[in-house]
Amino acid sequence: MIIRTEKSGDEATIRCVVEAAFGQSAEADLVDALRTAGNSTISLIAEEDGEIVGHILFSPMRLDPEDEALRLLGLAPLAVSPSRQRSGIGSALIRKGLELSGQSGYDAVFVLGHPEYYPSFGFRPASHFGIRSVYDVRDEAFMALELKPGSLSGHPGTVHYTEEFSRDF
């Protein structure tokens, strides 16, 4: 398996993978909207035998009250072709995405996801840092990972996704 950055020409296949993984088009529409708006900060694909079988996207987030020194990303969505799920592809995409996020100078990554899955990558409830989501979600499902230890300390507030997340698809 190869993990690489999305390139021109991958869009249609990524859309198919995301639609198949979620069983609907809303998440694929979100990926397209983020890409179009220039808010696709890190977009990776997993490829096996020349076939795209997974995708992960990281987009910018902002903290309110605003702290311009903090560089934050949101992980969403993560998609793996249904026939390839539970084979380590999602984990490999997350690990590579987090690695690139850190190398790119980001301070933290947030995810709204399964509280049984993401802690294995170091995520913990964002409330631990005094941070909450703009959305009304279960505390244990909205998580954060400091890429720079201590970067979220002393920065309580609410994180906001880009406007594309608020659209009805």
Protein backbone atom coordinates (compact mmCIF):
# COMPACT_ATOMS: atom_id res chain seq x y z
CA MET A 1 0.00 0.00 0.00
CA ILE A 2 1.16 3.50 -0.85
CA ILE A 3 0.01 6.62 1.02
CA ARG A 4 0.43 9.76 -1.05
CA THR A 5 -0.86 13.28 -1.42
CA GLU A 6 -3.95 13.75 -3.55
CA LYS A 7 -3.09 14.94 -7.03
CA SER A 8 -5.03 16.37 -9.93
CA GLY A 9 -7.10 13.63 -11.52
CA ASP A 10 -7.82 11.81 -8.22
CA GLU A 11 -10.99 13.77 -7.48
CA ALA A 12 -13.57 11.47 -9.10
CA THR A 13 -12.12 8.31 -7.58
CA ILE A 14 -11.86 9.94 -4.14
CA ARG A 15 -15.51 10.91 -4.47
CA CYS A 16 -16.47 7.30 -5.26
CA VAL A 17 -14.48 5.95 -2.27
CA VAL A 18 -16.02 8.50 0.13
CA GLU A 19 -19.56 7.87 -1.14
CA ALA A 20 -19.12 4.11 -0.84
CA ALA A 21 -17.61 4.36 2.65
CA PHE A 22 -20.45 6.52 4.00
CA GLY A 23 -23.27 5.14 1.86
CA GLN A 24 -24.31 8.65 0.83
CA SER A 25 -22.95 11.68 -1.00
CA ALA A 26 -22.88 14.32 1.79
CA GLU A 27 -19.30 13.60 2.88
CA ALA A 28 -18.09 13.49 -0.74
CA ASP A 29 -19.84 16.81 -1.35
CA LEU A 30 -18.01 18.19 1.70
CA VAL A 31 -14.64 17.02 0.34
CA ASP A 32 -15.39 18.67 -3.01
CA ALA A 33 -16.50 21.91 -1.31
CA LEU A 34 -13.40 22.03 0.90
CA ARG A 35 -11.16 21.44 -2.11
CA THR A 36 -12.94 24.14 -4.16
CA ALA A 37 -12.71 26.66 -1.29
CA GLY A 38 -9.00 26.01 -0.83
CA ASN A 39 -9.60 24.49 2.60
CA SER A 40 -8.17 21.08 1.80
CA THR A 41 -5.00 21.54 3.86
CA ILE A 42 -3.77 17.93 3.81
CA SER A 43 -5.48 15.42 1.53
CA LEU A 44 -4.03 11.91 1.36
CA ILE A 45 -5.03 8.78 -0.46
CA ALA A 46 -4.19 5.14 0.11
CA GLU A 47 -3.45 3.21 -3.05
CA GLU A 48 -3.17 -0.54 -3.53
CA ASP A 49 -2.18 -2.02 -6.87
CA GLY A 50 -2.87 1.34 -8.52
CA GLU A 51 -6.38 1.59 -7.05
CA ILE A 52 -7.41 4.29 -4.57
CA VAL A 53 -8.90 2.50 -1.56
CA GLY A 54 -8.86 5.22 1.10
CA HIS A 55 -8.85 8.96 1.67
CA ILE A 56 -8.32 11.35 4.58
CA LEU A 57 -8.72 15.10 4.69
CA PHE A 58 -7.48 17.71 7.17
CA SER A 59 -8.86 21.26 7.01
CA PRO A 60 -8.23 24.44 9.02
CA MET A 61 -10.08 25.24 12.22
CA ARG A 62 -10.15 28.34 14.38
CA LEU A 63 -10.46 28.83 18.11
CA ASP A 64 -12.82 31.35 19.67
CA PRO A 65 -11.58 33.40 21.45
CA GLU A 66 -9.14 33.68 18.59
CA ASP A 67 -5.48 32.98 19.12
CA GLU A 68 -3.62 33.61 15.89
CA ALA A 69 -0.57 31.80 17.22
CA LEU A 70 -2.43 28.46 17.26
CA ARG A 71 -2.54 26.50 14.02
CA LEU A 72 -5.36 23.97 14.19
CA LEU A 73 -6.67 21.30 11.85
CA GLY A 74 -9.79 19.16 11.77
CA LEU A 75 -9.62 15.55 10.59
CA ALA A 76 -12.70 14.87 8.48
CA PRO A 77 -13.63 12.81 6.69
CA LEU A 78 -11.73 9.54 6.78
CA ALA A 79 -12.99 7.03 4.24
CA VAL A 80 -11.96 3.51 3.25
CA SER A 81 -13.56 1.39 0.54
CA PRO A 82 -16.06 -0.93 2.22
CA SER A 83 -14.31 -4.09 0.99
CA ARG A 84 -11.01 -2.89 2.50
CA GLN A 85 -12.26 -1.63 5.88
CA ARG A 86 -10.72 -3.09 9.04
CA SER A 87 -7.46 -3.85 7.23
CA GLY A 88 -5.31 -1.02 8.61
CA ILE A 89 -5.79 1.45 5.77
CA GLY A 90 -7.59 4.03 7.92
CA SER A 91 -4.95 3.75 10.63
CA ALA A 92 -2.16 4.22 8.10
CA LEU A 93 -3.88 7.30 6.68
CA ILE A 94 -4.34 8.80 10.15
CA ARG A 95 -0.73 8.18 11.17
CA LYS A 96 0.65 9.71 7.96
CA GLY A 97 -1.77 12.65 8.16
CA LEU A 98 -0.79 13.39 11.76
CA GLU A 99 2.90 13.10 10.86
CA LEU A 100 2.50 15.59 7.98
CA SER A 101 0.41 17.91 10.16
CA GLY A 102 3.18 18.08 12.72
CA GLN A 103 5.87 18.54 10.08
CA SER A 104 3.82 21.39 8.60
CA GLY A 105 3.87 23.26 11.91
CA TYR A 106 0.33 22.63 13.13
CA ASP A 107 -0.24 22.66 16.88
CA ALA A 108 -3.24 20.35 17.24
CA VAL A 109 -5.78 18.25 15.38
CA PHE A 110 -9.45 17.82 16.31
CA VAL A 111 -11.78 15.01 15.32
CA LEU A 112 -15.43 14.23 15.84
CA GLY A 113 -15.42 10.46 15.76
CA HIS A 114 -15.67 7.13 17.50
CA PRO A 115 -14.39 7.45 21.07
CA GLU A 116 -13.21 3.83 20.96
CA TYR A 117 -11.07 4.31 17.83
CA TYR A 118 -9.26 7.64 17.93
CA PRO A 119 -7.69 7.43 21.43
CA SER A 120 -5.32 4.76 20.07
CA PHE A 121 -3.70 7.60 18.06
CA GLY A 122 -3.38 9.83 21.13
CA PHE A 123 -6.67 11.72 20.86
CA ARG A 124 -8.57 12.50 24.03
CA PRO A 125 -11.71 14.50 24.75
CA ALA A 126 -11.16 18.14 23.79
CA SER A 127 -12.90 19.09 27.04
CA HIS A 128 -9.71 17.95 28.80
CA PHE A 129 -8.15 21.11 27.34
CA GLY A 130 -11.21 23.28 28.07
CA ILE A 131 -12.18 23.22 24.41
CA ARG A 132 -15.58 22.40 22.99
CA SER A 133 -17.08 22.05 19.55
CA VAL A 134 -19.37 24.61 18.01
CA TYR A 135 -21.70 21.65 17.39
CA ASP A 136 -23.77 19.97 20.10
CA VAL A 137 -21.93 16.64 20.29
CA ARG A 138 -21.13 14.09 22.98
CA ASP A 139 -18.09 15.09 24.99
CA GLU A 140 -16.27 11.79 24.46
CA ALA A 141 -16.76 11.97 20.67
CA PHE A 142 -15.13 15.38 20.16
CA MET A 143 -11.40 14.85 20.63
CA ALA A 144 -8.12 16.68 20.30
CA LEU A 145 -4.51 15.68 19.84
CA GLU A 146 -1.70 18.09 20.64
CA LEU A 147 0.99 17.79 17.98
CA LYS A 148 3.13 20.15 20.06
CA PRO A 149 2.88 19.12 23.71
CA GLY A 150 1.23 21.82 25.81
CA SER A 151 0.05 23.82 22.80
CA LEU A 152 -3.60 23.77 23.90
CA SER A 153 -2.92 24.51 27.57
CA GLY A 154 -4.33 27.85 28.60
CA HIS A 155 -6.45 28.18 25.44
CA PRO A 156 -10.02 27.30 26.47
CA GLY A 157 -12.77 28.10 24.03
CA THR A 158 -14.81 26.82 21.14
CA VAL A 159 -13.33 25.53 17.91
CA HIS A 160 -15.04 26.23 14.62
CA TYR A 161 -14.83 24.33 11.38
CA THR A 162 -14.74 26.17 8.06
CA GLU A 163 -18.06 27.29 6.61
CA GLU A 164 -18.22 24.29 4.26
CA PHE A 165 -19.09 22.09 7.26
CA SER A 166 -22.26 24.14 7.86
CA ARG A 167 -23.67 23.62 4.37
CA ASP A 168 -26.57 21.29 3.67
CA PHE A 169 -25.44 18.73 1.13
